[in-house]
């Protein structure tokens, strides 16, 4: 998010790590 914020010019960012079972509604997503 530090790099995302630097390139976008805003700190209002949520970062996630999803996985492919999200395609069938059975995913697991980590959020920060």
ModelCIF file with pLDDT and N, C-alpha, C, O atoms, coordinates in Angstrom:
data_MODEL
#
_entry.id   MODEL 
#
_entity.id                         1 
_entity.type                       polymer 
_entity.pdbx_number_of_molecules   1 
#
_entity_poly.entity_id                      1 
_entity_poly.type                           'polypeptide(L)' 
_entity_poly.nstd_linkage                   no 
_entity_poly.nstd_monomer                   no 
_entity_poly.pdbx_seq_one_letter_code       
;(UNK)(UNK)(UNK)(UNK)(UNK)(UNK)(UNK)(UNK)(UNK)(UNK)(UNK)(UNK)(UNK)(UNK)(UNK)(UNK)
(UNK)(UNK)(UNK)(UNK)(UNK)(UNK)(UNK)(UNK)(UNK)(UNK)(UNK)(UNK)(UNK)(UNK)(UNK)(UNK)
;
_entity_poly.pdbx_seq_one_letter_code_can   XXXXXXXXXXXXXXXXXXXXXXXXXXXXXXXX 
_entity_poly.pdbx_strand_id                 A 
#
loop_
_entity_poly_seq.entity_id 
_entity_poly_seq.num 
_entity_poly_seq.mon_id 
_entity_poly_seq.hetero 
1 1  UNK n 
1 2  UNK n 
1 3  UNK n 
1 4  UNK n 
1 5  UNK n 
1 6  UNK n 
1 7  UNK n 
1 8  UNK n 
1 9  UNK n 
1 10 UNK n 
1 11 UNK n 
1 12 UNK n 
1 13 UNK n 
1 14 UNK n 
1 15 UNK n 
1 16 UNK n 
1 17 UNK n 
1 18 UNK n 
1 19 UNK n 
1 20 UNK n 
1 21 UNK n 
1 22 UNK n 
1 23 UNK n 
1 24 UNK n 
1 25 UNK n 
1 26 UNK n 
1 27 UNK n 
1 28 UNK n 
1 29 UNK n 
1 30 UNK n 
1 31 UNK n 
1 32 UNK n 
#
_struct_asym.id          A 
_struct_asym.entity_id   1 
#
loop_
_ma_qa_metric.id 
_ma_qa_metric.mode 
_ma_qa_metric.name 
_ma_qa_metric.software_group_id 
_ma_qa_metric.type 
1 global pLDDT . pLDDT 
2 local  pLDDT . pLDDT 
#
_ma_qa_metric_global.metric_id      1 
_ma_qa_metric_global.metric_value   95.53 
_ma_qa_metric_global.model_id       1 
_ma_qa_metric_global.ordinal_id     1 
#
loop_
_ma_qa_metric_local.label_asym_id 
_ma_qa_metric_local.label_comp_id 
_ma_qa_metric_local.label_seq_id 
_ma_qa_metric_local.metric_id 
_ma_qa_metric_local.metric_value 
_ma_qa_metric_local.model_id 
_ma_qa_metric_local.ordinal_id 
A UNK 1  2 96.00 1 1  
A UNK 2  2 96.00 1 2  
A UNK 3  2 95.00 1 3  
A UNK 4  2 96.00 1 4  
A UNK 5  2 96.00 1 5  
A UNK 6  2 95.00 1 6  
A UNK 7  2 95.00 1 7  
A UNK 8  2 96.00 1 8  
A UNK 9  2 95.00 1 9  
A UNK 10 2 96.00 1 10 
A UNK 11 2 96.00 1 11 
A UNK 12 2 97.00 1 12 
A UNK 13 2 98.00 1 13 
A UNK 14 2 98.00 1 14 
A UNK 15 2 98.00 1 15 
A UNK 16 2 97.00 1 16 
A UNK 17 2 96.00 1 17 
A UNK 18 2 95.00 1 18 
A UNK 19 2 95.00 1 19 
A UNK 20 2 93.00 1 20 
A UNK 21 2 94.00 1 21 
A UNK 22 2 93.00 1 22 
A UNK 23 2 91.00 1 23 
A UNK 24 2 92.00 1 24 
A UNK 25 2 92.00 1 25 
A UNK 26 2 94.00 1 26 
A UNK 27 2 95.00 1 27 
A UNK 28 2 97.00 1 28 
A UNK 29 2 97.00 1 29 
A UNK 30 2 97.00 1 30 
A UNK 31 2 98.00 1 31 
A UNK 32 2 98.00 1 32 
#
loop_
_atom_site.group_PDB 
_atom_site.id 
_atom_site.type_symbol 
_atom_site.label_atom_id 
_atom_site.label_alt_id 
_atom_site.label_comp_id 
_atom_site.label_asym_id 
_atom_site.label_entity_id 
_atom_site.label_seq_id 
_atom_site.pdbx_PDB_ins_code 
_atom_site.Cartn_x 
_atom_site.Cartn_y 
_atom_site.Cartn_z 
_atom_site.occupancy 
_atom_site.B_iso_or_equiv 
_atom_site.pdbx_formal_charge 
_atom_site.auth_seq_id 
_atom_site.auth_comp_id 
_atom_site.auth_asym_id 
_atom_site.auth_atom_id 
_atom_site.pdbx_PDB_model_num 
ATOM 1   N N  . UNK A 1 1  ? 0.819   -1.223  0.000  1.00 96.00 ? 1  UNK A N  1 
ATOM 2   C CA . UNK A 1 1  ? 0.000   0.000   0.000  1.00 96.00 ? 1  UNK A CA 1 
ATOM 3   C C  . UNK A 1 1  ? 0.847   1.265   0.000  1.00 96.00 ? 1  UNK A C  1 
ATOM 4   O O  . UNK A 1 1  ? 0.390   2.295   -0.495 1.00 96.00 ? 1  UNK A O  1 
ATOM 5   N N  . UNK A 1 2  ? 2.068   1.227   0.538  1.00 96.00 ? 2  UNK A N  1 
ATOM 6   C CA . UNK A 1 2  ? 2.927   2.407   0.466  1.00 96.00 ? 2  UNK A CA 1 
ATOM 7   C C  . UNK A 1 2  ? 3.204   2.773   -0.983 1.00 96.00 ? 2  UNK A C  1 
ATOM 8   O O  . UNK A 1 2  ? 3.196   3.949   -1.348 1.00 96.00 ? 2  UNK A O  1 
ATOM 9   N N  . UNK A 1 3  ? 3.449   1.763   -1.805 1.00 95.00 ? 3  UNK A N  1 
ATOM 10  C CA . UNK A 1 3  ? 3.729   2.002   -3.222 1.00 95.00 ? 3  UNK A CA 1 
ATOM 11  C C  . UNK A 1 3  ? 2.468   2.410   -3.978 1.00 95.00 ? 3  UNK A C  1 
ATOM 12  O O  . UNK A 1 3  ? 2.508   3.280   -4.848 1.00 95.00 ? 3  UNK A O  1 
ATOM 13  N N  . UNK A 1 4  ? 1.352   1.774   -3.637 1.00 96.00 ? 4  UNK A N  1 
ATOM 14  C CA . UNK A 1 4  ? 0.085   2.151   -4.261 1.00 96.00 ? 4  UNK A CA 1 
ATOM 15  C C  . UNK A 1 4  ? -0.250  3.596   -3.921 1.00 96.00 ? 4  UNK A C  1 
ATOM 16  O O  . UNK A 1 4  ? -0.651  4.365   -4.794 1.00 96.00 ? 4  UNK A O  1 
ATOM 17  N N  . UNK A 1 5  ? -0.086  3.970   -2.646 1.00 96.00 ? 5  UNK A N  1 
ATOM 18  C CA . UNK A 1 5  ? -0.375  5.338   -2.205 1.00 96.00 ? 5  UNK A CA 1 
ATOM 19  C C  . UNK A 1 5  ? 0.526   6.341   -2.900 1.00 96.00 ? 5  UNK A C  1 
ATOM 20  O O  . UNK A 1 5  ? 0.071   7.411   -3.305 1.00 96.00 ? 5  UNK A O  1 
ATOM 21  N N  . UNK A 1 6  ? 1.798   6.006   -3.040 1.00 95.00 ? 6  UNK A N  1 
ATOM 22  C CA . UNK A 1 6  ? 2.748   6.912   -3.688 1.00 95.00 ? 6  UNK A CA 1 
ATOM 23  C C  . UNK A 1 6  ? 2.357   7.175   -5.139 1.00 95.00 ? 6  UNK A C  1 
ATOM 24  O O  . UNK A 1 6  ? 2.449   8.307   -5.616 1.00 95.00 ? 6  UNK A O  1 
ATOM 25  N N  . UNK A 1 7  ? 1.923   6.132   -5.838 1.00 95.00 ? 7  UNK A N  1 
ATOM 26  C CA . UNK A 1 7  ? 1.603   6.277   -7.257 1.00 95.00 ? 7  UNK A CA 1 
ATOM 27  C C  . UNK A 1 7  ? 0.217   6.864   -7.497 1.00 95.00 ? 7  UNK A C  1 
ATOM 28  O O  . UNK A 1 7  ? -0.029  7.454   -8.549 1.00 95.00 ? 7  UNK A O  1 
ATOM 29  N N  . UNK A 1 8  ? -0.688  6.710   -6.537 1.00 96.00 ? 8  UNK A N  1 
ATOM 30  C CA . UNK A 1 8  ? -2.033  7.260   -6.689 1.00 96.00 ? 8  UNK A CA 1 
ATOM 31  C C  . UNK A 1 8  ? -2.202  8.614   -6.022 1.00 96.00 ? 8  UNK A C  1 
ATOM 32  O O  . UNK A 1 8  ? -3.133  9.353   -6.342 1.00 96.00 ? 8  UNK A O  1 
ATOM 33  N N  . UNK A 1 9  ? -1.305  8.947   -5.092 1.00 95.00 ? 9  UNK A N  1 
ATOM 34  C CA . UNK A 1 9  ? -1.413  10.219  -4.406 1.00 95.00 ? 9  UNK A CA 1 
ATOM 35  C C  . UNK A 1 9  ? -2.487  10.266  -3.341 1.00 95.00 ? 9  UNK A C  1 
ATOM 36  O O  . UNK A 1 9  ? -2.982  11.342  -3.005 1.00 95.00 ? 9  UNK A O  1 
ATOM 37  N N  . UNK A 1 10 ? -2.860  9.094   -2.798 1.00 96.00 ? 10 UNK A N  1 
ATOM 38  C CA . UNK A 1 10 ? -3.843  9.033   -1.718 1.00 96.00 ? 10 UNK A CA 1 
ATOM 39  C C  . UNK A 1 10 ? -3.547  7.839   -0.821 1.00 96.00 ? 10 UNK A C  1 
ATOM 40  O O  . UNK A 1 10 ? -3.145  6.786   -1.315 1.00 96.00 ? 10 UNK A O  1 
ATOM 41  N N  . UNK A 1 11 ? -3.741  7.987   0.508  1.00 96.00 ? 11 UNK A N  1 
ATOM 42  C CA . UNK A 1 11 ? -3.493  6.865   1.413  1.00 96.00 ? 11 UNK A CA 1 
ATOM 43  C C  . UNK A 1 11 ? -4.729  6.023   1.700  1.00 96.00 ? 11 UNK A C  1 
ATOM 44  O O  . UNK A 1 11 ? -4.645  5.054   2.455  1.00 96.00 ? 11 UNK A O  1 
ATOM 45  N N  . UNK A 1 12 ? -5.868  6.367   1.118  1.00 97.00 ? 12 UNK A N  1 
ATOM 46  C CA . UNK A 1 12 ? -7.127  5.663   1.425  1.00 97.00 ? 12 UNK A CA 1 
ATOM 47  C C  . UNK A 1 12 ? -7.185  4.371   0.601  1.00 97.00 ? 12 UNK A C  1 
ATOM 48  O O  . UNK A 1 12 ? -7.796  4.307   -0.466 1.00 97.00 ? 12 UNK A O  1 
ATOM 49  N N  . UNK A 1 13 ? -6.521  3.347   1.146  1.00 98.00 ? 13 UNK A N  1 
ATOM 50  C CA . UNK A 1 13 ? -6.337  2.108   0.390  1.00 98.00 ? 13 UNK A CA 1 
ATOM 51  C C  . UNK A 1 13 ? -6.622  0.903   1.271  1.00 98.00 ? 13 UNK A C  1 
ATOM 52  O O  . UNK A 1 13 ? -6.192  0.841   2.423  1.00 98.00 ? 13 UNK A O  1 
ATOM 53  N N  . UNK A 1 14 ? -7.354  -0.055  0.710  1.00 98.00 ? 14 UNK A N  1 
ATOM 54  C CA . UNK A 1 14 ? -7.518  -1.381  1.296  1.00 98.00 ? 14 UNK A CA 1 
ATOM 55  C C  . UNK A 1 14 ? -6.860  -2.363  0.337  1.00 98.00 ? 14 UNK A C  1 
ATOM 56  O O  . UNK A 1 14 ? -7.153  -2.371  -0.859 1.00 98.00 ? 14 UNK A O  1 
ATOM 57  N N  . UNK A 1 15 ? -5.980  -3.179  0.866  1.00 98.00 ? 15 UNK A N  1 
ATOM 58  C CA . UNK A 1 15 ? -5.312  -4.184  0.035  1.00 98.00 ? 15 UNK A CA 1 
ATOM 59  C C  . UNK A 1 15 ? -5.844  -5.564  0.396  1.00 98.00 ? 15 UNK A C  1 
ATOM 60  O O  . UNK A 1 15 ? -6.124  -5.840  1.562  1.00 98.00 ? 15 UNK A O  1 
ATOM 61  N N  . UNK A 1 16 ? -5.981  -6.423  -0.595 1.00 97.00 ? 16 UNK A N  1 
ATOM 62  C CA . UNK A 1 16 ? -6.507  -7.763  -0.342 1.00 97.00 ? 16 UNK A CA 1 
ATOM 63  C C  . UNK A 1 16 ? -5.648  -8.824  -0.993 1.00 97.00 ? 16 UNK A C  1 
ATOM 64  O O  . UNK A 1 16 ? -4.874  -8.554  -1.911 1.00 97.00 ? 16 UNK A O  1 
ATOM 65  N N  . UNK A 1 17 ? -5.805  -10.046 -0.492 1.00 96.00 ? 17 UNK A N  1 
ATOM 66  C CA . UNK A 1 17 ? -5.236  -11.227 -1.140 1.00 96.00 ? 17 UNK A CA 1 
ATOM 67  C C  . UNK A 1 17 ? -6.352  -12.246 -1.273 1.00 96.00 ? 17 UNK A C  1 
ATOM 68  O O  . UNK A 1 17 ? -6.604  -13.015 -0.346 1.00 96.00 ? 17 UNK A O  1 
ATOM 69  N N  . UNK A 1 18 ? -7.029  -12.258 -2.430 1.00 95.00 ? 18 UNK A N  1 
ATOM 70  C CA . UNK A 1 18 ? -8.090  -13.244 -2.659 1.00 95.00 ? 18 UNK A CA 1 
ATOM 71  C C  . UNK A 1 18 ? -7.508  -14.531 -3.234 1.00 95.00 ? 18 UNK A C  1 
ATOM 72  O O  . UNK A 1 18 ? -6.302  -14.627 -3.462 1.00 95.00 ? 18 UNK A O  1 
ATOM 73  N N  . UNK A 1 19 ? -8.365  -15.511 -3.466 1.00 95.00 ? 19 UNK A N  1 
ATOM 74  C CA . UNK A 1 19 ? -7.917  -16.698 -4.200 1.00 95.00 ? 19 UNK A CA 1 
ATOM 75  C C  . UNK A 1 19 ? -8.983  -17.113 -5.214 1.00 95.00 ? 19 UNK A C  1 
ATOM 76  O O  . UNK A 1 19 ? -10.109 -16.618 -5.187 1.00 95.00 ? 19 UNK A O  1 
ATOM 77  N N  . UNK A 1 20 ? -8.614  -18.016 -6.096 1.00 93.00 ? 20 UNK A N  1 
ATOM 78  C CA . UNK A 1 20 ? -9.460  -18.319 -7.246 1.00 93.00 ? 20 UNK A CA 1 
ATOM 79  C C  . UNK A 1 20 ? -10.808 -18.968 -6.925 1.00 93.00 ? 20 UNK A C  1 
ATOM 80  O O  . UNK A 1 20 ? -11.728 -18.808 -7.727 1.00 93.00 ? 20 UNK A O  1 
ATOM 81  N N  . UNK A 1 21 ? -10.996 -19.691 -5.809 1.00 94.00 ? 21 UNK A N  1 
ATOM 82  C CA . UNK A 1 21 ? -12.344 -20.185 -5.520 1.00 94.00 ? 21 UNK A CA 1 
ATOM 83  C C  . UNK A 1 21 ? -13.385 -19.085 -5.350 1.00 94.00 ? 21 UNK A C  1 
ATOM 84  O O  . UNK A 1 21 ? -14.579 -19.371 -5.260 1.00 94.00 ? 21 UNK A O  1 
ATOM 85  N N  . UNK A 1 22 ? -12.942 -17.824 -5.303 1.00 93.00 ? 22 UNK A N  1 
ATOM 86  C CA . UNK A 1 22 ? -13.886 -16.700 -5.310 1.00 93.00 ? 22 UNK A CA 1 
ATOM 87  C C  . UNK A 1 22 ? -14.773 -16.751 -6.544 1.00 93.00 ? 22 UNK A C  1 
ATOM 88  O O  . UNK A 1 22 ? -15.895 -16.244 -6.527 1.00 93.00 ? 22 UNK A O  1 
ATOM 89  N N  . UNK A 1 23 ? -14.274 -17.359 -7.611 1.00 91.00 ? 23 UNK A N  1 
ATOM 90  C CA . UNK A 1 23 ? -15.047 -17.455 -8.855 1.00 91.00 ? 23 UNK A CA 1 
ATOM 91  C C  . UNK A 1 23 ? -16.315 -18.282 -8.683 1.00 91.00 ? 23 UNK A C  1 
ATOM 92  O O  . UNK A 1 23 ? -17.263 -18.133 -9.455 1.00 91.00 ? 23 UNK A O  1 
ATOM 93  N N  . UNK A 1 24 ? -16.338 -19.154 -7.675 1.00 92.00 ? 24 UNK A N  1 
ATOM 94  C CA . UNK A 1 24 ? -17.528 -19.968 -7.414 1.00 92.00 ? 24 UNK A CA 1 
ATOM 95  C C  . UNK A 1 24 ? -18.107 -19.669 -6.029 1.00 92.00 ? 24 UNK A C  1 
ATOM 96  O O  . UNK A 1 24 ? -18.834 -20.483 -5.462 1.00 92.00 ? 24 UNK A O  1 
ATOM 97  N N  . UNK A 1 25 ? -17.775 -18.491 -5.495 1.00 92.00 ? 25 UNK A N  1 
ATOM 98  C CA . UNK A 1 25 ? -18.320 -18.083 -4.211 1.00 92.00 ? 25 UNK A CA 1 
ATOM 99  C C  . UNK A 1 25 ? -17.758 -18.815 -3.013 1.00 92.00 ? 25 UNK A C  1 
ATOM 100 O O  . UNK A 1 25 ? -18.356 -18.800 -1.937 1.00 92.00 ? 25 UNK A O  1 
ATOM 101 N N  . UNK A 1 26 ? -16.597 -19.465 -3.190 1.00 94.00 ? 26 UNK A N  1 
ATOM 102 C CA . UNK A 1 26 ? -15.977 -20.239 -2.112 1.00 94.00 ? 26 UNK A CA 1 
ATOM 103 C C  . UNK A 1 26 ? -14.558 -19.760 -1.823 1.00 94.00 ? 26 UNK A C  1 
ATOM 104 O O  . UNK A 1 26 ? -13.702 -20.539 -1.403 1.00 94.00 ? 26 UNK A O  1 
ATOM 105 N N  . UNK A 1 27 ? -14.323 -18.482 -2.051 1.00 95.00 ? 27 UNK A N  1 
ATOM 106 C CA . UNK A 1 27 ? -12.991 -17.942 -1.880 1.00 95.00 ? 27 UNK A CA 1 
ATOM 107 C C  . UNK A 1 27 ? -12.636 -17.641 -0.442 1.00 95.00 ? 27 UNK A C  1 
ATOM 108 O O  . UNK A 1 27 ? -13.471 -17.719 0.460  1.00 95.00 ? 27 UNK A O  1 
ATOM 109 N N  . UNK A 1 28 ? -11.363 -17.293 -0.250 1.00 97.00 ? 28 UNK A N  1 
ATOM 110 C CA . UNK A 1 28 ? -10.857 -16.817 1.035  1.00 97.00 ? 28 UNK A CA 1 
ATOM 111 C C  . UNK A 1 28 ? -10.034 -15.584 0.739  1.00 97.00 ? 28 UNK A C  1 
ATOM 112 O O  . UNK A 1 28 ? -9.067  -15.649 -0.020 1.00 97.00 ? 28 UNK A O  1 
ATOM 113 N N  . UNK A 1 29 ? -10.407 -14.456 1.333  1.00 97.00 ? 29 UNK A N  1 
ATOM 114 C CA . UNK A 1 29 ? -9.740  -13.191 1.051  1.00 97.00 ? 29 UNK A CA 1 
ATOM 115 C C  . UNK A 1 29 ? -9.162  -12.599 2.331  1.00 97.00 ? 29 UNK A C  1 
ATOM 116 O O  . UNK A 1 29 ? -9.881  -12.396 3.310  1.00 97.00 ? 29 UNK A O  1 
ATOM 117 N N  . UNK A 1 30 ? -7.862  -12.325 2.318  1.00 97.00 ? 30 UNK A N  1 
ATOM 118 C CA . UNK A 1 30 ? -7.223  -11.595 3.398  1.00 97.00 ? 30 UNK A CA 1 
ATOM 119 C C  . UNK A 1 30 ? -7.273  -10.108 3.093  1.00 97.00 ? 30 UNK A C  1 
ATOM 120 O O  . UNK A 1 30 ? -7.093  -9.711  1.942  1.00 97.00 ? 30 UNK A O  1 
ATOM 121 N N  . UNK A 1 31 ? -7.516  -9.270  4.110  1.00 98.00 ? 31 UNK A N  1 
ATOM 122 C CA . UNK A 1 31 ? -7.698  -7.832  3.907  1.00 98.00 ? 31 UNK A CA 1 
ATOM 123 C C  . UNK A 1 31 ? -6.851  -7.038  4.888  1.00 98.00 ? 31 UNK A C  1 
ATOM 124 O O  . UNK A 1 31 ? -6.703  -7.414  6.051  1.00 98.00 ? 31 UNK A O  1 
ATOM 125 N N  . UNK A 1 32 ? -6.297  -5.932  4.400  1.00 98.00 ? 32 UNK A N  1 
ATOM 126 C CA . UNK A 1 32 ? -5.576  -4.983  5.251  1.00 98.00 ? 32 UNK A CA 1 
ATOM 127 C C  . UNK A 1 32 ? -5.997  -3.576  4.860  1.00 98.00 ? 32 UNK A C  1 
ATOM 128 O O  . UNK A 1 32 ? -5.518  -2.604  5.443  1.00 98.00 ? 32 UNK A O  1 
#
